[in-house]
Amino acid sequence: MKVIALKCKICGKEFPPKALYTCDNCFGPLEVKYDWEFIAENVSKEKIKKGPLSIWRYADFLPIENVDPIDLGAGYTRFIKAENLGKELGLKNLYLIDDSTNPTYSFKDRVVSVAVTKAKEFGMKAVGCASTGNLAGSLSAHAAKANLPAYIFVPRGIEKGKIIQALVHGANVIEVEGTYDDANRLATEVAEENPDWGFVNINLRPYYAEGSKTLAYETAEHLNWELPDQVVVPMASGALLCAIYRGFEDLKRVDFVDGEVIMNGAQPAGLPIAKAVKSGGDVIPVRELKTIVHSLAIGNPADGMFAKEIIEKTGGYAEDPSDVESIEGVKLLARTEGIFTELAGGVTIAGLKRLVEEGRIDKSDVVVAYITGNGLKTGESIVSYLEDTIKIKAKLEEFEEVISW
């Protein structure tokens, strides 16, 4: 068995590998503890190469034992050398992992595939989550494949484009008055009242978070088992950045790679993790979320202090672009690489742009930026910032007049 226990990230206390997520000693979050000797004996680069074109090619690194995965094809998405964007920013070796092409069009398919598979392994009767949109769509699809009912709690007023997927897959979508934090608080209460339900970002969170590590594995595999110099990761709770860092560390444990990666984060202006990195202070929760980037709008980030520690110890930084900068980031990526990303991707590109302009990324560095979702999900949020259509009569001379502008 490769999963030994769940271990508190703060005090180190260990627990049986069950549906737990909080330490009863210090209330710290739990993470999966593995038998790395067992994994090293069973995993190989050749085995990975022969595996499925999804996250499950890395099954030896994931916390699943003796059960077939709920696999819609998440992961192993496009790895692109972004030559046009790199030229615009002055970078010679810029790469993108484009998770807008996942089954439900966001990176959440990676984490949900693992979490719903774990719910299946535990014999749970239903699955659920709190979500700002992407997770809702992903969980609903994977729940349908697993033949499990899904209960999804979202903050009222979320973009309709982000809950259409959940509704069409038959999930029960509950709009909660308030913010994401209010929806998450209610979902936590429901999870505690129903221990045989698997809430993927609550009582299954330690396993769920492991799915994001596959972004690190793919990065190294696509670079011929070399590590990039720097990465840029969007931050909401901070869990994604922490997981990608753990993924790079996993590869070192089995002697697949060596070296260090500088971890950089990007978060909308005013949110806690980037603010803490910039000030050098603590990650202080904020209640008022003044951003249109709803997918990153978490005022009390569960993994915020861990993300800050990783950024600082690897020599990275965090940028906090404004909403307007993030929209310009969406447009810049679309204009240069033909990728229409959601606003979280715009935050990543805007953050990358700032890091380059500040001299924190050298033009010769091998840099990987993570594009986490599809722009069609947040189109209504940016439409007012786009140029209007050109209106003419059905006459050739009017068109010729347009192209002469």
Protein backbone atom coordinates (compact mmCIF):
# COMPACT_ATOMS: atom_id res chain seq x y z
CA MET A 1 0.00 0.00 0.00
CA LYS A 2 1.49 3.35 -1.00
CA VAL A 3 -0.69 5.58 1.24
CA ILE A 4 0.58 5.32 4.83
CA ALA A 5 -1.43 7.99 6.63
CA LEU A 6 -2.74 11.52 6.66
CA LYS A 7 -0.36 13.95 8.33
CA CYS A 8 -1.01 17.39 9.79
CA LYS A 9 0.90 20.08 7.89
CA ILE A 10 1.41 22.09 11.09
CA CYS A 11 2.05 19.79 14.06
CA GLY A 12 2.87 16.56 12.21
CA LYS A 13 0.29 14.36 13.94
CA GLU A 14 -0.70 11.35 11.82
CA PHE A 15 -4.16 9.89 11.21
CA PRO A 16 -5.55 6.84 9.38
CA PRO A 17 -6.06 7.51 5.64
CA LYS A 18 -9.81 8.07 5.87
CA ALA A 19 -12.18 10.93 4.97
CA LEU A 20 -10.52 13.44 7.30
CA TYR A 21 -9.24 16.93 6.62
CA THR A 22 -8.51 18.68 9.94
CA CYS A 23 -6.11 17.80 12.73
CA ASP A 24 -7.84 17.23 16.09
CA ASN A 25 -4.73 18.50 17.88
CA CYS A 26 -4.08 21.89 16.29
CA PHE A 27 -6.85 22.17 13.66
CA GLY A 28 -4.23 22.24 10.89
CA PRO A 29 -4.92 20.83 7.41
CA LEU A 30 -3.98 17.24 6.58
CA GLU A 31 -1.98 15.93 3.63
CA VAL A 32 -1.28 12.46 2.29
CA LYS A 33 1.82 10.66 3.54
CA TYR A 34 3.23 8.10 1.09
CA ASP A 35 5.56 5.11 1.23
CA TRP A 36 8.20 6.52 -1.12
CA GLU A 37 10.27 3.33 -1.16
CA PHE A 38 7.22 1.44 -2.44
CA ILE A 39 6.52 4.09 -5.09
CA ALA A 40 10.16 4.23 -6.24
CA GLU A 41 10.15 0.45 -6.72
CA ASN A 42 7.01 0.54 -8.86
CA VAL A 43 7.22 3.73 -10.93
CA SER A 44 9.39 4.32 -13.98
CA LYS A 45 9.61 6.82 -16.82
CA GLU A 46 8.96 4.01 -19.30
CA LYS A 47 5.82 2.95 -17.45
CA ILE A 48 4.56 6.54 -17.48
CA LYS A 49 5.28 6.83 -21.21
CA LYS A 50 3.07 3.78 -21.88
CA GLY A 51 0.26 5.04 -19.66
CA PRO A 52 -3.03 6.72 -20.63
CA LEU A 53 -3.00 10.25 -21.99
CA SER A 54 -4.51 11.62 -18.80
CA ILE A 55 -3.47 12.23 -15.21
CA TRP A 56 -3.71 8.50 -14.65
CA ARG A 57 -0.41 7.94 -16.45
CA TYR A 58 0.96 9.11 -13.07
CA ALA A 59 -1.22 6.74 -11.02
CA ASP A 60 1.77 5.53 -9.00
CA PHE A 61 2.05 9.04 -7.51
CA LEU A 62 -1.67 9.39 -6.69
CA PRO A 63 -3.48 8.32 -3.48
CA ILE A 64 -5.71 5.62 -4.98
CA GLU A 65 -5.52 1.94 -4.03
CA ASN A 66 -7.05 -0.96 -6.01
CA VAL A 67 -9.97 0.79 -7.71
CA ASP A 68 -10.49 1.82 -11.33
CA PRO A 69 -10.30 5.60 -11.75
CA ILE A 70 -13.20 7.84 -12.72
CA ASP A 71 -11.37 9.07 -15.81
CA LEU A 72 -12.97 11.47 -18.27
CA GLY A 73 -9.56 12.21 -19.78
CA ALA A 74 -8.39 14.98 -17.46
CA GLY A 75 -4.79 16.10 -17.80
CA TYR A 76 -1.97 15.62 -20.26
CA THR A 77 -3.28 18.77 -21.93
CA ARG A 78 -1.48 20.94 -24.48
CA PHE A 79 2.09 21.90 -23.63
CA ILE A 80 2.89 24.89 -25.82
CA LYS A 81 6.05 26.83 -26.51
CA ALA A 82 4.52 30.30 -26.50
CA GLU A 83 6.83 31.95 -29.04
CA ASN A 84 4.55 34.87 -29.90
CA LEU A 85 3.74 35.72 -26.29
CA GLY A 86 7.37 35.15 -25.35
CA LYS A 87 8.50 37.60 -28.00
CA GLU A 88 5.97 40.17 -26.75
CA LEU A 89 7.26 39.80 -23.17
CA GLY A 90 10.93 39.37 -24.04
CA LEU A 91 11.20 35.69 -23.01
CA LYS A 92 13.07 33.11 -25.10
CA ASN A 93 11.78 29.98 -23.37
CA LEU A 94 8.17 30.52 -22.32
CA TYR A 95 5.86 27.50 -22.13
CA LEU A 96 2.18 27.14 -21.25
CA ILE A 97 0.15 24.22 -19.97
CA ASP A 98 -3.32 24.86 -21.34
CA ASP A 99 -5.93 23.27 -19.07
CA SER A 100 -8.72 25.10 -20.87
CA THR A 101 -8.84 21.95 -23.03
CA ASN A 102 -9.74 19.59 -20.16
CA PRO A 103 -13.08 17.68 -20.32
CA THR A 104 -15.01 20.43 -18.50
CA TYR A 105 -12.55 23.12 -19.59
CA SER A 106 -10.58 23.76 -16.39
CA PHE A 107 -7.78 22.28 -14.28
CA LYS A 108 -10.38 21.23 -11.70
CA ASP A 109 -10.87 18.04 -13.69
CA ARG A 110 -7.50 16.87 -12.36
CA VAL A 111 -8.41 17.22 -8.69
CA VAL A 112 -11.99 16.04 -9.08
CA SER A 113 -10.99 12.89 -10.97
CA VAL A 114 -8.82 11.91 -7.99
CA ALA A 115 -11.36 12.94 -5.32
CA VAL A 116 -14.37 11.20 -6.89
CA THR A 117 -12.26 8.08 -7.43
CA LYS A 118 -11.39 8.21 -3.72
CA ALA A 119 -15.08 8.62 -2.86
CA LYS A 120 -15.71 5.47 -4.91
CA GLU A 121 -12.91 3.68 -3.04
CA PHE A 122 -14.46 4.72 0.31
CA GLY A 123 -17.92 3.54 -0.81
CA MET A 124 -19.51 6.97 -0.36
CA LYS A 125 -23.15 7.55 -1.34
CA ALA A 126 -22.93 11.10 -2.72
CA VAL A 127 -20.39 13.79 -3.55
CA GLY A 128 -20.44 17.54 -3.12
CA CYS A 129 -18.42 20.75 -3.01
CA ALA A 130 -18.42 24.47 -2.53
CA SER A 131 -17.48 26.24 -5.74
CA THR A 132 -17.07 29.50 -7.59
CA GLY A 133 -17.90 27.73 -10.87
CA ASN A 134 -15.16 25.57 -12.38
CA LEU A 135 -15.30 22.97 -9.62
CA ALA A 136 -19.08 22.82 -9.96
CA GLY A 137 -18.88 21.86 -13.62
CA SER A 138 -16.15 19.32 -13.06
CA LEU A 139 -17.73 17.62 -10.07
CA SER A 140 -21.10 17.34 -11.79
CA ALA A 141 -19.54 15.58 -14.80
CA HIS A 142 -17.42 13.18 -12.76
CA ALA A 143 -20.34 12.44 -10.42
CA ALA A 144 -22.47 11.57 -13.44
CA LYS A 145 -19.77 9.18 -14.69
CA ALA A 146 -19.49 7.63 -11.20
CA ASN A 147 -23.31 7.39 -10.94
CA LEU A 148 -23.35 9.41 -7.72
CA PRO A 149 -25.67 12.30 -6.78
CA ALA A 150 -23.90 15.66 -6.51
CA TYR A 151 -24.66 18.64 -4.22
CA ILE A 152 -22.94 21.89 -5.18
CA PHE A 153 -22.95 25.09 -3.10
CA VAL A 154 -22.15 28.33 -4.94
CA PRO A 155 -22.26 32.01 -3.94
CA ARG A 156 -25.33 33.78 -5.25
CA GLY A 157 -24.72 35.78 -8.41
CA ILE A 158 -22.06 33.53 -9.92
CA GLU A 159 -21.76 33.76 -13.72
CA LYS A 160 -24.47 31.60 -15.33
CA GLY A 161 -21.89 30.22 -17.73
CA LYS A 162 -20.15 28.55 -14.81
CA ILE A 163 -23.17 26.67 -13.48
CA ILE A 164 -24.74 25.59 -16.77
CA GLN A 165 -22.42 22.57 -16.78
CA ALA A 166 -23.46 21.56 -13.29
CA LEU A 167 -27.14 21.84 -14.13
CA VAL A 168 -26.94 19.99 -17.43
CA HIS A 169 -25.17 17.06 -15.74
CA GLY A 170 -28.00 16.80 -13.24
CA ALA A 171 -26.29 18.15 -10.12
CA ASN A 172 -28.22 19.80 -7.30
CA VAL A 173 -26.97 23.40 -7.35
CA ILE A 174 -27.63 25.45 -4.22
CA GLU A 175 -27.04 29.21 -4.46
CA VAL A 176 -26.05 30.57 -1.06
CA GLU A 177 -26.53 34.20 -0.16
CA GLY A 178 -23.08 35.69 0.45
CA THR A 179 -19.54 34.96 -0.72
CA TYR A 180 -17.69 31.75 -1.54
CA ASP A 181 -16.62 31.60 2.11
CA ASP A 182 -20.29 31.54 3.17
CA ALA A 183 -21.06 28.76 0.69
CA ASN A 184 -18.03 26.81 1.86
CA ARG A 185 -19.04 27.21 5.52
CA LEU A 186 -22.48 25.76 4.82
CA ALA A 187 -21.04 22.92 2.73
CA THR A 188 -18.72 22.06 5.63
CA GLU A 189 -21.68 21.81 7.99
CA VAL A 190 -23.48 19.51 5.54
CA ALA A 191 -20.36 17.33 5.20
CA GLU A 192 -20.11 16.98 8.98
CA GLU A 193 -23.78 15.95 9.20
CA ASN A 194 -23.38 13.38 6.39
CA PRO A 195 -20.09 11.47 6.87
CA ASP A 196 -20.87 9.05 4.03
CA TRP A 197 -20.93 11.96 1.55
CA GLY A 198 -17.65 12.94 -0.06
CA PHE A 199 -17.23 16.72 -0.26
CA VAL A 200 -14.23 16.92 -2.53
CA ASN A 201 -12.77 20.19 -1.20
CA ILE A 202 -13.72 19.46 2.42
CA ASN A 203 -13.56 15.93 3.88
CA LEU A 204 -11.80 14.60 0.76
CA ARG A 205 -9.52 17.62 0.46
CA PRO A 206 -6.20 15.85 1.24
CA TYR A 207 -6.77 13.46 -1.68
CA TYR A 208 -8.37 16.07 -3.95
CA ALA A 209 -5.34 18.36 -3.66
CA GLU A 210 -3.07 15.58 -4.93
CA GLY A 211 -4.60 15.78 -8.42
CA SER A 212 -2.95 19.15 -9.04
CA LYS A 213 0.51 17.62 -8.61
CA THR A 214 0.10 16.14 -12.09
CA LEU A 215 0.74 19.62 -13.54
CA ALA A 216 4.28 19.34 -12.16
CA TYR A 217 4.73 15.81 -13.52
CA GLU A 218 3.58 16.91 -16.98
CA THR A 219 5.85 19.94 -16.90
CA ALA A 220 8.91 17.78 -16.22
CA GLU A 221 7.92 15.05 -18.67
CA HIS A 222 7.37 17.53 -21.50
CA LEU A 223 10.76 19.10 -20.75
CA ASN A 224 12.41 15.65 -21.10
CA TRP A 225 12.53 15.19 -17.32
CA GLU A 226 14.15 18.54 -16.64
CA LEU A 227 12.77 21.15 -14.28
CA PRO A 228 11.91 24.68 -15.46
CA ASP A 229 13.72 27.63 -13.92
CA GLN A 230 10.52 29.39 -12.89
CA VAL A 231 6.75 28.85 -12.90
CA VAL A 232 3.81 31.23 -12.54
CA VAL A 233 0.70 29.84 -10.84
CA PRO A 234 -2.69 31.50 -10.22
CA MET A 235 -3.72 31.51 -6.55
CA ALA A 236 -7.12 31.28 -4.87
CA SER A 237 -6.75 29.15 -1.72
CA GLY A 238 -3.05 28.64 -2.53
CA ALA A 239 -3.55 24.88 -2.85
CA LEU A 240 -2.60 24.75 -6.55
CA LEU A 241 0.79 26.36 -6.02
CA CYS A 242 1.48 24.09 -3.03
CA ALA A 243 0.52 20.99 -5.02
CA ILE A 244 2.71 21.87 -8.01
CA TYR A 245 5.63 22.41 -5.63
CA ARG A 246 4.95 19.00 -4.01
CA GLY A 247 4.84 17.43 -7.44
CA PHE A 248 8.34 18.68 -8.28
CA GLU A 249 9.54 17.39 -4.90
CA ASP A 250 7.94 13.98 -5.58
CA LEU A 251 9.97 13.65 -8.77
CA LYS A 252 13.15 14.33 -6.81
CA ARG A 253 12.24 11.63 -4.27
CA VAL A 254 12.25 8.96 -7.01
CA ASP A 255 15.36 10.43 -8.72
CA PHE A 256 13.54 11.49 -11.89
CA VAL A 257 14.85 15.08 -11.70
CA ASP A 258 17.11 17.33 -9.68
CA GLY A 259 17.42 21.06 -9.14
CA GLU A 260 15.09 23.76 -7.83
CA VAL A 261 12.15 25.66 -9.29
CA ILE A 262 11.36 29.27 -8.41
CA MET A 263 7.65 29.37 -7.55
CA ASN A 264 5.74 32.58 -8.38
CA GLY A 265 2.08 33.28 -7.66
CA ALA A 266 -0.51 35.57 -9.22
CA GLN A 267 -3.67 36.74 -7.47
CA PRO A 268 -6.16 39.58 -8.02
CA ALA A 269 -5.39 42.87 -6.30
CA GLY A 270 -6.39 43.09 -2.66
CA LEU A 271 -6.43 39.36 -1.92
CA PRO A 272 -4.48 37.91 1.00
CA ILE A 273 -1.63 35.74 -0.29
CA ALA A 274 -0.08 38.18 -2.74
CA LYS A 275 -0.58 40.99 -0.26
CA ALA A 276 1.30 39.00 2.41
CA VAL A 277 4.18 38.15 0.07
CA LYS A 278 4.56 41.79 -0.94
CA SER A 279 4.38 43.12 2.61
CA GLY A 280 6.39 40.33 4.22
CA GLY A 281 3.63 39.97 6.81
CA ASP A 282 1.04 37.33 7.70
CA VAL A 283 -1.73 36.09 5.43
CA ILE A 284 -4.67 38.08 6.83
CA PRO A 285 -8.20 37.16 5.65
CA VAL A 286 -10.27 39.80 3.91
CA ARG A 287 -14.06 39.90 3.88
CA GLU A 288 -14.71 42.37 1.08
CA LEU A 289 -13.69 40.93 -2.29
CA LYS A 290 -13.43 43.70 -4.88
CA THR A 291 -12.66 41.71 -8.03
CA ILE A 292 -14.50 40.29 -11.00
CA VAL A 293 -12.15 37.28 -11.00
CA HIS A 294 -14.58 35.13 -9.02
CA SER A 295 -12.66 31.89 -9.49
CA LEU A 296 -9.76 33.31 -7.44
CA ALA A 297 -11.86 35.33 -4.99
CA ILE A 298 -11.23 33.50 -1.72
CA GLY A 299 -10.88 35.89 1.19
CA ASN A 300 -9.73 33.28 3.72
CA PRO A 301 -7.34 31.01 1.79
CA ALA A 302 -6.91 27.63 3.49
CA ASP A 303 -3.40 27.10 2.13
CA GLY A 304 -2.38 30.74 2.06
CA MET A 305 0.41 30.60 4.63
CA PHE A 306 1.87 27.46 3.04
CA ALA A 307 1.83 29.05 -0.43
CA LYS A 308 3.56 32.14 0.97
CA GLU A 309 6.25 29.98 2.61
CA ILE A 310 6.92 28.11 -0.64
CA ILE A 311 7.15 31.31 -2.67
CA GLU A 312 9.60 32.82 -0.20
CA LYS A 313 11.83 29.77 0.29
CA THR A 314 12.19 29.20 -3.47
CA GLY A 315 13.07 32.84 -4.11
CA GLY A 316 9.83 33.59 -5.94
CA TYR A 317 7.34 36.43 -5.72
CA ALA A 318 3.62 37.11 -5.98
CA GLU A 319 1.96 39.69 -8.18
CA ASP A 320 -1.53 41.14 -7.78
CA PRO A 321 -2.76 42.65 -11.05
CA SER A 322 -5.90 44.76 -11.18
CA ASP A 323 -9.05 43.55 -12.92
CA VAL A 324 -8.26 45.74 -15.92
CA GLU A 325 -4.74 44.29 -16.16
CA SER A 326 -6.20 40.78 -15.94
CA ILE A 327 -8.64 41.49 -18.77
CA GLU A 328 -5.73 42.81 -20.82
CA GLY A 329 -3.93 39.55 -19.96
CA VAL A 330 -6.83 37.55 -21.39
CA LYS A 331 -6.70 39.64 -24.57
CA LEU A 332 -2.89 39.43 -24.83
CA LEU A 333 -2.89 35.64 -24.62
CA ALA A 334 -5.69 35.39 -27.18
CA ARG A 335 -4.00 37.83 -29.55
CA THR A 336 -0.57 36.17 -29.39
CA GLU A 337 -1.27 32.44 -28.93
CA GLY A 338 -4.88 31.93 -29.98
CA ILE A 339 -5.93 30.79 -26.49
CA PHE A 340 -9.06 32.28 -24.94
CA THR A 341 -8.61 31.83 -21.20
CA GLU A 342 -10.89 32.71 -18.33
CA LEU A 343 -10.08 35.63 -16.05
CA ALA A 344 -7.87 33.49 -13.79
CA GLY A 345 -5.65 32.88 -16.81
CA GLY A 346 -5.63 36.61 -17.41
CA VAL A 347 -4.36 37.08 -13.85
CA THR A 348 -1.56 34.59 -14.59
CA ILE A 349 -0.50 36.36 -17.79
CA ALA A 350 -0.75 39.81 -16.19
CA GLY A 351 1.28 38.55 -13.23
CA LEU A 352 3.88 37.05 -15.57
CA LYS A 353 4.10 40.35 -17.45
CA ARG A 354 4.74 42.25 -14.22
CA LEU A 355 7.40 39.75 -13.07
CA VAL A 356 9.27 40.18 -16.36
CA GLU A 357 9.00 43.98 -16.28
CA GLU A 358 10.36 44.03 -12.73
CA GLY A 359 13.36 41.91 -13.73
CA ARG A 360 12.35 38.97 -11.54
CA ILE A 361 12.38 36.64 -14.56
CA ASP A 362 15.39 36.61 -16.85
CA LYS A 363 14.78 36.54 -20.60
CA SER A 364 16.69 33.25 -20.94
CA ASP A 365 14.88 31.45 -18.09
CA VAL A 366 12.77 28.39 -18.90
CA VAL A 367 9.38 29.56 -17.64
CA VAL A 368 6.09 27.65 -17.43
CA ALA A 369 2.79 29.45 -16.83
CA TYR A 370 -0.39 27.54 -16.01
CA ILE A 371 -3.60 28.42 -17.88
CA THR A 372 -6.34 26.96 -15.74
CA GLY A 373 -9.64 27.50 -17.54
CA ASN A 374 -11.56 28.38 -20.69
CA GLY A 375 -12.61 31.94 -21.48
CA LEU A 376 -16.13 31.00 -22.55
CA LYS A 377 -16.91 30.55 -18.86
CA THR A 378 -16.35 34.20 -18.00
CA GLY A 379 -17.16 35.88 -21.31
CA GLU A 380 -19.95 38.01 -19.85
CA SER A 381 -17.48 39.56 -17.40
CA ILE A 382 -15.21 40.97 -20.10
CA VAL A 383 -17.55 41.68 -23.01
CA SER A 384 -17.92 45.35 -22.05
CA TYR A 385 -14.11 45.74 -22.27
CA LEU A 386 -13.93 44.51 -25.89
CA GLU A 387 -14.15 46.51 -29.11
CA ASP A 388 -17.60 46.57 -30.70
CA THR A 389 -18.36 45.01 -34.07
CA ILE A 390 -17.92 47.05 -37.25
CA LYS A 391 -21.34 47.70 -38.77
CA ILE A 392 -21.76 48.30 -42.51
CA LYS A 393 -24.39 47.88 -45.23
CA ALA A 394 -24.08 44.95 -47.66
CA LYS A 395 -22.10 47.06 -50.14
CA LEU A 396 -18.54 46.44 -51.35
CA GLU A 397 -17.62 50.10 -51.21
CA GLU A 398 -18.50 50.25 -47.52
CA PHE A 399 -16.24 47.26 -46.77
CA GLU A 400 -13.42 48.85 -48.82
CA GLU A 401 -13.86 52.00 -46.79
CA VAL A 402 -13.44 49.94 -43.58
CA ILE A 403 -10.22 48.27 -44.66
CA SER A 404 -8.76 51.63 -45.66
CA TRP A 405 -8.96 52.90 -42.07
